[in-house]
Protein backbone atom coordinates (compact mmCIF):
# COMPACT_ATOMS: atom_id res chain seq x y z
CA MET A 1 -23.45 61.00 0.12
CA TYR A 2 -23.69 58.78 -2.93
CA LYS A 3 -26.16 55.95 -3.18
CA HIS A 4 -24.28 53.70 -5.59
CA LEU A 5 -20.65 54.73 -5.08
CA PHE A 6 -18.70 53.93 -1.94
CA GLY A 7 -15.28 55.08 -0.88
CA PRO A 8 -12.65 55.42 -1.97
CA VAL A 9 -11.79 52.74 0.57
CA PRO A 10 -8.51 50.97 1.26
CA SER A 11 -8.52 47.65 -0.54
CA ARG A 12 -6.16 44.81 0.27
CA ARG A 13 -5.58 44.22 -3.45
CA LEU A 14 -6.61 47.35 -5.36
CA GLY A 15 -5.17 50.27 -3.41
CA MET A 16 -7.48 53.27 -3.18
CA SER A 17 -10.64 51.79 -4.67
CA LEU A 18 -13.89 53.54 -5.57
CA GLY A 19 -16.62 50.93 -5.39
CA ILE A 20 -19.49 51.09 -7.86
CA ASP A 21 -22.56 49.07 -6.90
CA LEU A 22 -24.29 47.60 -9.95
CA VAL A 23 -26.88 45.43 -8.19
CA PRO A 24 -28.81 45.83 -4.94
CA SER A 25 -28.52 43.56 -1.94
CA LYS A 26 -28.69 40.65 -2.46
CA VAL A 27 -29.22 39.75 -6.10
CA CYS A 28 -26.83 36.93 -6.99
CA SER A 29 -26.47 33.67 -8.87
CA LEU A 30 -24.86 32.04 -5.83
CA ASP A 31 -25.81 31.81 -2.17
CA CYS A 32 -22.37 31.09 -0.71
CA VAL A 33 -22.28 29.78 2.83
CA TYR A 34 -19.38 32.14 3.66
CA CYS A 35 -20.80 35.37 2.20
CA GLU A 36 -20.16 38.23 4.61
CA VAL A 37 -22.92 40.34 3.02
CA GLY A 38 -25.48 37.75 4.07
CA LYS A 39 -27.92 35.29 2.54
CA THR A 40 -28.97 35.79 -1.08
CA ASN A 41 -32.49 37.23 -1.25
CA THR A 42 -32.88 36.92 -5.02
CA LEU A 43 -31.13 33.83 -6.40
CA THR A 44 -31.10 34.42 -10.15
CA SER A 45 -29.12 34.48 -13.36
CA ASN A 46 -31.55 36.88 -15.03
CA MET A 47 -29.95 40.05 -16.33
CA ASP A 48 -31.72 43.36 -15.77
CA GLU A 49 -30.96 47.03 -15.20
CA TYR A 50 -31.14 46.50 -11.45
CA ILE A 51 -29.55 49.91 -10.89
CA THR A 52 -29.96 52.20 -13.87
CA GLU A 53 -27.09 53.39 -16.01
CA LYS A 54 -28.44 56.92 -15.64
CA GLU A 55 -28.24 56.85 -11.83
CA ILE A 56 -24.72 55.43 -11.79
CA CYS A 57 -23.30 57.77 -14.44
CA LYS A 58 -24.86 60.80 -12.77
CA GLU A 59 -23.11 59.98 -9.50
CA LEU A 60 -19.84 59.34 -11.34
CA GLU A 61 -20.04 62.72 -13.09
CA ASP A 62 -20.46 64.42 -9.73
CA TYR A 63 -17.56 62.44 -8.30
CA PHE A 64 -15.31 63.42 -11.21
CA GLN A 65 -16.05 67.08 -10.56
CA HIS A 66 -15.43 67.08 -6.83
CA GLN A 67 -13.02 64.25 -5.93
CA PRO A 68 -9.51 63.15 -6.96
CA ASP A 69 -9.18 60.03 -9.05
CA PRO A 70 -8.83 56.73 -7.16
CA ASP A 71 -6.33 54.05 -8.05
CA THR A 72 -9.10 51.77 -9.25
CA PHE A 73 -12.77 51.86 -10.16
CA THR A 74 -14.13 48.61 -8.77
CA LEU A 75 -17.37 47.27 -10.23
CA THR A 76 -19.02 45.32 -7.48
CA GLY A 77 -22.25 45.19 -5.55
CA SER A 78 -24.00 43.45 -2.73
CA GLY A 79 -24.54 40.66 -5.22
CA GLU A 80 -23.28 39.74 -8.70
CA PRO A 81 -22.40 42.82 -10.83
CA THR A 82 -22.46 41.02 -14.19
CA LEU A 83 -26.23 40.63 -13.79
CA ASN A 84 -26.63 44.34 -14.62
CA ASN A 85 -27.46 44.46 -18.33
CA LYS A 86 -25.87 47.92 -18.71
CA LEU A 87 -22.46 46.66 -17.60
CA GLU A 88 -20.74 47.30 -20.95
CA VAL A 89 -22.17 50.83 -21.18
CA ILE A 90 -20.93 51.73 -17.70
CA ILE A 91 -17.47 50.35 -18.46
CA ALA A 92 -17.37 52.41 -21.67
CA PHE A 93 -18.38 55.51 -19.69
CA LEU A 94 -15.48 55.02 -17.28
CA ARG A 95 -13.05 54.36 -20.14
CA LYS A 96 -14.15 57.55 -21.91
CA HIS A 97 -14.01 59.90 -18.93
CA ARG A 98 -11.09 58.42 -16.97
CA PRO A 99 -9.02 56.42 -19.47
CA ASN A 100 -5.94 56.33 -17.23
CA VAL A 101 -7.65 54.85 -14.16
CA ASN A 102 -7.75 51.07 -13.83
CA ILE A 103 -11.09 49.28 -13.84
CA ALA A 104 -11.59 46.08 -11.86
CA ILE A 105 -14.60 43.85 -11.38
CA LEU A 106 -15.31 41.47 -8.50
CA THR A 107 -17.42 38.67 -9.92
CA ASN A 108 -18.35 35.14 -8.98
CA GLY A 109 -17.63 34.19 -12.59
CA THR A 110 -20.86 32.27 -13.15
CA GLN A 111 -21.98 34.47 -16.06
CA LEU A 112 -18.74 34.15 -18.04
CA PHE A 113 -20.21 31.27 -20.06
CA ASP A 114 -22.15 34.00 -21.95
CA PRO A 115 -20.16 35.40 -24.92
CA LYS A 116 -21.84 38.80 -24.50
CA ILE A 117 -20.63 39.06 -20.91
CA ARG A 118 -17.13 38.04 -21.92
CA LYS A 119 -17.09 40.72 -24.64
CA SER A 120 -18.41 43.39 -22.24
CA LEU A 121 -15.53 42.76 -19.83
CA LEU A 122 -12.76 43.33 -22.36
CA GLY A 123 -12.68 46.98 -21.29
CA VAL A 124 -11.75 45.95 -17.75
CA ASN A 125 -8.10 45.85 -16.65
CA LEU A 126 -8.53 43.36 -13.85
CA VAL A 127 -11.17 40.66 -13.57
CA LEU A 128 -11.33 38.87 -10.22
CA PRO A 129 -13.57 35.81 -10.57
CA SER A 130 -14.03 33.29 -7.79
CA LEU A 131 -13.90 29.53 -8.05
CA ASP A 132 -14.29 27.59 -4.81
CA ALA A 133 -15.15 24.18 -6.19
CA ALA A 134 -14.18 21.88 -9.03
CA SER A 135 -16.96 19.31 -8.65
CA ASP A 136 -20.74 19.65 -8.72
CA THR A 137 -21.04 18.19 -5.23
CA THR A 138 -18.74 20.80 -3.68
CA LEU A 139 -20.24 23.61 -5.78
CA ILE A 140 -23.66 22.86 -4.33
CA LYS A 141 -22.27 22.46 -0.81
CA ILE A 142 -20.26 25.69 -0.60
CA ASN A 143 -21.78 28.01 -3.24
CA ARG A 144 -25.43 26.87 -3.43
CA PRO A 145 -25.87 28.06 -7.04
CA ILE A 146 -28.89 28.74 -9.19
CA LYS A 147 -30.59 25.62 -10.48
CA GLY A 148 -28.96 24.20 -13.57
CA LEU A 149 -25.46 25.64 -13.18
CA SER A 150 -22.90 22.87 -13.61
CA ILE A 151 -19.27 23.05 -12.56
CA GLU A 152 -18.26 22.23 -16.15
CA THR A 153 -20.11 25.29 -17.49
CA TYR A 154 -18.72 27.42 -14.67
CA ILE A 155 -15.08 26.49 -15.32
CA GLU A 156 -15.42 26.58 -19.10
CA GLY A 157 -16.81 30.13 -18.92
CA ILE A 158 -13.89 31.41 -16.83
CA ALA A 159 -11.37 29.65 -19.08
CA ALA A 160 -13.01 31.02 -22.25
CA PHE A 161 -12.79 34.55 -20.92
CA ARG A 162 -9.14 34.15 -19.97
CA ALA A 163 -8.39 32.89 -23.48
CA LEU A 164 -10.20 35.93 -24.90
CA GLN A 165 -8.13 38.26 -22.71
CA LEU A 166 -4.91 36.70 -24.00
CA GLN A 167 -6.01 37.09 -27.62
CA GLN A 168 -6.29 40.89 -27.40
CA THR A 169 -3.56 42.95 -29.07
CA ASP A 170 -4.50 46.50 -28.05
CA ALA A 171 -2.78 48.62 -25.40
CA ILE A 172 -5.10 47.75 -22.51
CA LYS A 173 -3.40 45.68 -19.83
CA ARG A 174 -5.68 42.80 -18.86
CA GLU A 175 -5.23 40.38 -15.98
CA MET A 176 -7.26 37.72 -14.21
CA TRP A 177 -6.78 37.09 -10.51
CA LEU A 178 -8.64 33.90 -9.66
CA GLU A 179 -9.79 33.83 -6.05
CA ILE A 180 -10.35 30.51 -4.31
CA PHE A 181 -12.09 30.69 -0.95
CA ILE A 182 -10.91 27.89 1.31
CA LEU A 183 -13.25 26.49 3.97
CA PRO A 184 -12.18 23.49 6.04
CA HIS A 185 -14.55 20.50 5.62
CA TYR A 186 -16.04 22.06 2.48
CA ASN A 187 -13.34 22.11 -0.19
CA THR A 188 -10.14 20.93 1.49
CA ASP A 189 -10.09 17.18 0.86
CA LYS A 190 -7.30 15.97 -1.45
CA THR A 191 -9.69 14.94 -4.23
CA GLU A 192 -11.20 18.42 -4.45
CA LEU A 193 -7.81 20.11 -4.18
CA ASP A 194 -6.54 17.96 -7.06
CA ARG A 195 -9.54 18.97 -9.15
CA LEU A 196 -9.01 22.63 -8.29
CA LYS A 197 -5.37 22.44 -9.36
CA LYS A 198 -6.44 20.91 -12.66
CA ALA A 199 -8.94 23.77 -13.14
CA ILE A 200 -6.27 26.37 -12.33
CA LEU A 201 -3.92 24.93 -14.95
CA TYR A 202 -6.74 24.84 -17.50
CA ILE A 203 -7.88 28.43 -16.86
CA ASN A 204 -4.32 29.80 -16.74
CA PRO A 205 -5.07 32.97 -14.73
CA THR A 206 -2.48 35.67 -14.07
CA SER A 207 -2.51 34.70 -10.41
CA VAL A 208 -4.43 32.59 -7.91
CA GLN A 209 -5.34 34.08 -4.55
CA LEU A 210 -6.25 31.90 -1.61
CA ASN A 211 -8.71 33.52 0.76
CA THR A 212 -10.63 32.39 3.80
CA LEU A 213 -13.15 33.59 6.36
CA ASP A 214 -12.42 36.96 8.00
CA ARG A 215 -15.78 37.39 9.70
CA PRO A 216 -19.09 35.52 10.05
CA GLY A 217 -20.69 34.21 6.86
CA SER A 218 -24.33 33.56 6.06
CA VAL A 219 -24.19 30.11 7.74
CA LYS A 220 -23.47 29.87 11.46
CA ASN A 221 -20.38 28.35 13.04
CA LEU A 222 -18.15 28.39 9.98
CA VAL A 223 -14.44 28.29 10.72
CA GLY A 224 -11.87 29.83 8.42
CA ALA A 225 -8.64 28.15 7.44
CA THR A 226 -5.52 29.04 9.37
CA ARG A 227 -2.56 30.55 7.56
CA ALA A 228 -0.71 27.27 8.12
CA GLU A 229 -3.53 25.38 6.39
CA LEU A 230 -3.47 27.81 3.47
CA MET A 231 0.29 27.42 3.21
CA GLU A 232 -0.13 23.65 3.19
CA ILE A 233 -2.55 23.91 0.25
CA LYS A 234 -0.21 26.25 -1.60
CA ASP A 235 2.69 23.85 -1.09
CA TYR A 236 0.56 20.88 -2.12
CA TRP A 237 -0.35 22.54 -5.42
CA ASN A 238 3.25 23.67 -5.99
CA LEU A 239 2.23 26.43 -8.42
CA ASP A 240 4.26 29.63 -8.61
CA LYS A 241 1.25 31.84 -9.32
CA VAL A 242 -0.57 30.99 -6.05
CA GLU A 243 -0.51 33.56 -3.24
CA ILE A 244 -2.26 33.88 0.10
CA ILE A 245 -4.34 36.96 0.77
CA SER A 246 -3.38 38.07 4.26
CA ALA A 247 -6.34 38.63 6.54
CA ASN A 248 -6.83 42.04 8.07
CA PRO A 249 -3.95 43.95 6.39
CA ASP A 250 -2.80 47.30 7.73
CA ARG A 251 -5.16 49.44 5.70
CA LYS A 252 -4.36 52.57 7.70
CA LYS A 253 -1.24 53.01 5.60
CA ILE A 254 -3.43 53.65 2.56
CA LYS A 255 -4.35 57.31 2.17
CA ALA A 256 -8.06 56.61 1.66
CA TYR A 257 -8.52 55.46 5.26
CA HIS A 258 -10.78 58.08 6.83
CA GLN A 259 -10.32 58.54 10.57
CA ASN A 260 -13.73 60.23 10.85
CA THR A 261 -15.46 57.06 9.60
CA GLU A 262 -13.64 54.97 12.18
CA LYS A 263 -14.59 57.53 14.82
CA SER A 264 -18.27 57.34 13.82
CA ILE A 265 -18.23 53.55 14.13
CA LEU A 266 -16.54 53.67 17.54
CA GLU A 267 -18.97 56.31 18.82
CA THR A 268 -21.92 54.23 17.63
CA LEU A 269 -20.59 51.07 19.27
CA ALA A 270 -19.90 52.99 22.49
CA ARG A 271 -23.66 53.46 22.80
CA ARG A 272 -24.55 49.85 22.10
CA PRO A 273 -23.38 46.75 20.19
CA CYS A 274 -24.54 46.71 16.57
CA THR A 275 -24.88 44.29 13.70
CA LEU A 276 -23.36 45.16 10.35
CA LYS A 277 -26.82 46.14 9.13
CA ASP A 278 -27.27 48.41 12.16
CA LEU A 279 -23.98 50.20 11.46
CA THR A 280 -24.87 50.68 7.81
CA THR A 281 -28.21 52.22 8.81
CA PHE A 282 -26.89 54.46 11.58
CA ILE A 283 -23.75 55.75 9.84
CA GLY A 284 -25.07 55.83 6.28
CA ASN A 285 -22.03 54.23 4.62
CA PRO A 286 -22.55 51.23 2.32
CA ILE A 287 -22.09 47.76 3.75
CA ASN A 288 -18.97 47.15 1.63
CA GLU A 289 -17.30 50.24 3.08
CA ILE A 290 -18.19 49.43 6.69
CA HIS A 291 -16.59 46.00 6.17
CA LYS A 292 -13.23 47.59 5.38
CA TYR A 293 -13.16 49.60 8.59
CA LEU A 294 -14.28 46.71 10.75
CA ASP A 295 -11.31 44.74 9.41
CA VAL A 296 -8.87 47.42 10.58
CA MET A 297 -10.58 47.96 13.92
CA GLU A 298 -10.60 44.24 14.73
CA GLN A 299 -6.92 44.06 13.81
CA ASP A 300 -6.22 46.96 16.18
CA GLN A 301 -8.26 45.14 18.87
CA LEU A 302 -10.63 48.07 19.23
CA ILE A 303 -13.70 45.90 18.64
CA ILE A 304 -14.71 42.26 18.70
CA SER A 305 -17.56 40.26 17.13
CA VAL A 306 -19.98 38.33 19.33
CA LYS A 307 -22.91 36.06 18.46
CA GLY A 308 -26.26 37.48 19.56
CA GLU A 309 -29.92 36.58 19.07
CA ARG A 310 -30.20 38.73 15.92
CA GLY A 311 -26.90 37.54 14.49
CA THR A 312 -23.32 38.76 14.80
CA PHE A 313 -22.83 41.93 16.83
CA TYR A 314 -19.80 44.21 16.85
CA GLN A 315 -18.88 45.88 20.10
CA LEU A 316 -16.08 47.74 21.78
CA LYS A 317 -13.66 45.26 23.26
CA THR A 318 -14.66 46.22 26.82
CA LYS A 319 -18.40 45.96 26.12
CA VAL A 320 -20.62 42.91 26.42
CA VAL A 321 -23.62 42.08 24.22
CA GLU A 322 -26.70 41.91 26.39
């Protein structure tokens, strides 16, 4: 069992994805109300070697020796991966040892104002930054950022990196998929949507992906947008590059879906309802990986989520949280 690698797991966008955790839970520059990992414990923009390059590369070397290559190496974490100051070194390690495997990074995009971060990410095939707001008021409301981060700096950083991607003339294929997380009553008024469209046109990403709440966030009683509401936003923007990320896709069709992991979750929930943290502790798989299986199992109506005193519990559909 690896400590900093998880998967490969079926990803809705990346195929068979090997996750690489670069920061511990929950070191981040945002404290988004919808975050499924939970509330940010360390709200910071300070870069550090939160997980050492040596630890990560050692696990990768072992993986290379014993496992087939995934479709994608996904740099991620239970926080913001660009806060790891060895990011460029780890990307170079992957490029050297597995040059034909795509590298992706899931980032909130807040650090892209830094030229050093932008340069470090040029070795990545696919950068997936998020942008949920286009005004300071909405940024504070939905993302609750570090003190001093302005929406202007945020958008300018993402746009500068996209421009840098487009300037490259080497053989590496580089794309940016801009994710916008839609939450009714947070960022869905016409004024904010107009500002977001303006930001999209300015950034000029490869694609824009509309997402919404799949499961409970860090703030109680949030409600995700319906598919009809997402379609309405897409139609309102009238941009060809916008797509909706379908909730709970059929991940079982992807070869990385491990039936034994699903079985372990079901057997654990048969004993008693569990929170996400409980399942991570009992089964030993990282929180990001458990999320993927819960998506499938909820889609198959094997489990449901129920609010309890300690938070959100997952249970077999025939069980009741006591």
